[in-house]
Amino acid sequence: MTELKFMLYEQKNELIDAMFLQLGRKCQEIIKLSFALKTIAMVTQKLGVTYGVARKKKSQCIGQLTKLVRDTATFDHLKND
């Protein structure tokens, strides 16, 4: 990976991290668990919710994060580089 590509990668990660912190506590928890645990079934057990609720909430939270990222001026700059 070239230095420029690495810097761009780092900037994208920083943007995602910053927007992640703007999500509510529950969304942060669901996203973290989704990446840390191997299956959505494990997430449901950890949260004590049904499979359908966990999948829907995860989808909504990822959607919120995506919207937050895309709504920044930084995203426009980073996606074109």
C-alpha atoms as a PDB file:
ATOM      1  CA  MET A   1       0.000   0.000   0.000  1.00  0.00           C
ATOM      2  CA  THR A   2       1.406   3.375  -0.962  1.00  0.00           C
ATOM      3  CA  GLU A   3       1.744   6.099   1.620  1.00  0.00           C
ATOM      4  CA  LEU A   4      -1.033   8.134   0.000  1.00  0.00           C
ATOM      5  CA  LYS A   5      -3.435   5.173   0.009  1.00  0.00           C
ATOM      6  CA  PHE A   6      -2.553   4.458   3.628  1.00  0.00           C
ATOM      7  CA  MET A   7      -3.237   8.077   4.625  1.00  0.00           C
ATOM      8  CA  LEU A   8      -6.572   7.984   2.804  1.00  0.00           C
ATOM      9  CA  TYR A   9      -7.448   4.708   4.541  1.00  0.00           C
ATOM     10  CA  GLU A  10      -6.590   6.241   7.921  1.00  0.00           C
ATOM     11  CA  GLN A  11      -8.698   9.334   7.221  1.00  0.00           C
ATOM     12  CA  LYS A  12     -11.685   7.175   6.277  1.00  0.00           C
ATOM     13  CA  ASN A  13     -11.317   5.157   9.487  1.00  0.00           C
ATOM     14  CA  GLU A  14     -11.092   8.325  11.567  1.00  0.00           C
ATOM     15  CA  LEU A  15     -14.275   9.643   9.952  1.00  0.00           C
ATOM     16  CA  ILE A  16     -16.147   6.409  10.633  1.00  0.00           C
ATOM     17  CA  ASP A  17     -14.897   6.356  14.235  1.00  0.00           C
ATOM     18  CA  ALA A  18     -15.999   9.961  14.795  1.00  0.00           C
ATOM     19  CA  MET A  19     -19.460   9.326  13.357  1.00  0.00           C
ATOM     20  CA  PHE A  20     -19.770   6.076  15.323  1.00  0.00           C
ATOM     21  CA  LEU A  21     -19.422   8.110  18.521  1.00  0.00           C
ATOM     22  CA  GLN A  22     -22.410  10.203  17.453  1.00  0.00           C
ATOM     23  CA  LEU A  23     -24.674   7.155  17.470  1.00  0.00           C
ATOM     24  CA  GLY A  24     -26.705   6.358  20.548  1.00  0.00           C
ATOM     25  CA  ARG A  25     -25.358   3.943  23.139  1.00  0.00           C
ATOM     26  CA  LYS A  26     -27.622   1.078  22.005  1.00  0.00           C
ATOM     27  CA  CYS A  27     -26.589   1.399  18.363  1.00  0.00           C
ATOM     28  CA  GLN A  28     -22.935   1.474  19.353  1.00  0.00           C
ATOM     29  CA  GLU A  29     -23.449  -1.663  21.438  1.00  0.00           C
ATOM     30  CA  ILE A  30     -25.245  -3.559  18.677  1.00  0.00           C
ATOM     31  CA  ILE A  31     -22.641  -2.694  16.065  1.00  0.00           C
ATOM     32  CA  LYS A  32     -19.754  -3.597  18.376  1.00  0.00           C
ATOM     33  CA  LEU A  33     -21.366  -6.919  19.299  1.00  0.00           C
ATOM     34  CA  SER A  34     -22.124  -7.689  15.658  1.00  0.00           C
ATOM     35  CA  PHE A  35     -18.459  -7.408  14.788  1.00  0.00           C
ATOM     36  CA  ALA A  36     -17.134  -9.045  17.958  1.00  0.00           C
ATOM     37  CA  LEU A  37     -19.432 -12.070  17.994  1.00  0.00           C
ATOM     38  CA  LYS A  38     -19.533 -14.652  15.257  1.00  0.00           C
ATOM     39  CA  THR A  39     -23.282 -14.784  14.606  1.00  0.00           C
ATOM     40  CA  ILE A  40     -26.374 -12.651  15.020  1.00  0.00           C
ATOM     41  CA  ALA A  41     -27.727 -15.476  17.193  1.00  0.00           C
ATOM     42  CA  MET A  42     -24.944 -14.766  19.682  1.00  0.00           C
ATOM     43  CA  VAL A  43     -25.881 -11.084  19.620  1.00  0.00           C
ATOM     44  CA  THR A  44     -29.503 -11.955  20.404  1.00  0.00           C
ATOM     45  CA  GLN A  45     -28.426 -14.021  23.388  1.00  0.00           C
ATOM     46  CA  LYS A  46     -26.156 -11.255  24.681  1.00  0.00           C
ATOM     47  CA  LEU A  47     -28.852  -8.587  24.319  1.00  0.00           C
ATOM     48  CA  GLY A  48     -31.794 -10.749  25.317  1.00  0.00           C
ATOM     49  CA  VAL A  49     -33.844  -9.902  22.225  1.00  0.00           C
ATOM     50  CA  THR A  50     -35.331 -11.935  19.407  1.00  0.00           C
ATOM     51  CA  TYR A  51     -33.451 -12.685  16.206  1.00  0.00           C
ATOM     52  CA  GLY A  52     -35.729 -10.423  14.179  1.00  0.00           C
ATOM     53  CA  VAL A  53     -35.321  -7.500  16.565  1.00  0.00           C
ATOM     54  CA  ALA A  54     -31.524  -7.852  16.559  1.00  0.00           C
ATOM     55  CA  ARG A  55     -31.316  -7.991  12.747  1.00  0.00           C
ATOM     56  CA  LYS A  56     -33.647  -5.025  12.311  1.00  0.00           C
ATOM     57  CA  LYS A  57     -31.876  -2.920  14.915  1.00  0.00           C
ATOM     58  CA  LYS A  58     -28.443  -3.764  13.474  1.00  0.00           C
ATOM     59  CA  SER A  59     -29.642  -2.765  10.010  1.00  0.00           C
ATOM     60  CA  GLN A  60     -31.093   0.510  11.313  1.00  0.00           C
ATOM     61  CA  CYS A  61     -27.915   1.342  13.226  1.00  0.00           C
ATOM     62  CA  ILE A  62     -25.647   0.610  10.258  1.00  0.00           C
ATOM     63  CA  GLY A  63     -27.982   2.790   8.178  1.00  0.00           C
ATOM     64  CA  GLN A  64     -27.682   5.637  10.678  1.00  0.00           C
ATOM     65  CA  LEU A  65     -23.896   5.346  10.694  1.00  0.00           C
ATOM     66  CA  THR A  66     -23.780   5.306   6.900  1.00  0.00           C
ATOM     67  CA  LYS A  67     -25.973   8.420   6.729  1.00  0.00           C
ATOM     68  CA  LEU A  68     -23.846  10.262   9.282  1.00  0.00           C
ATOM     69  CA  VAL A  69     -20.685   9.458   7.315  1.00  0.00           C
ATOM     70  CA  ARG A  70     -22.168  10.358   3.926  1.00  0.00           C
ATOM     71  CA  ASP A  71     -23.580  13.656   5.203  1.00  0.00           C
ATOM     72  CA  THR A  72     -20.129  15.018   6.058  1.00  0.00           C
ATOM     73  CA  ALA A  73     -18.115  17.239   3.739  1.00  0.00           C
ATOM     74  CA  THR A  74     -15.121  15.057   4.549  1.00  0.00           C
ATOM     75  CA  PHE A  75     -16.840  12.047   2.961  1.00  0.00           C
ATOM     76  CA  ASP A  76     -17.210  13.896  -0.336  1.00  0.00           C
ATOM     77  CA  HIS A  77     -13.517  14.722  -0.279  1.00  0.00           C
ATOM     78  CA  LEU A  78     -12.422  11.194   0.656  1.00  0.00           C
ATOM     79  CA  LYS A  79     -14.612   9.325  -1.813  1.00  0.00           C
ATOM     80  CA  ASN A  80     -13.178  11.258  -4.742  1.00  0.00           C
ATOM     81  CA  ASP A  81      -9.571  10.576  -3.807  1.00  0.00           C
END
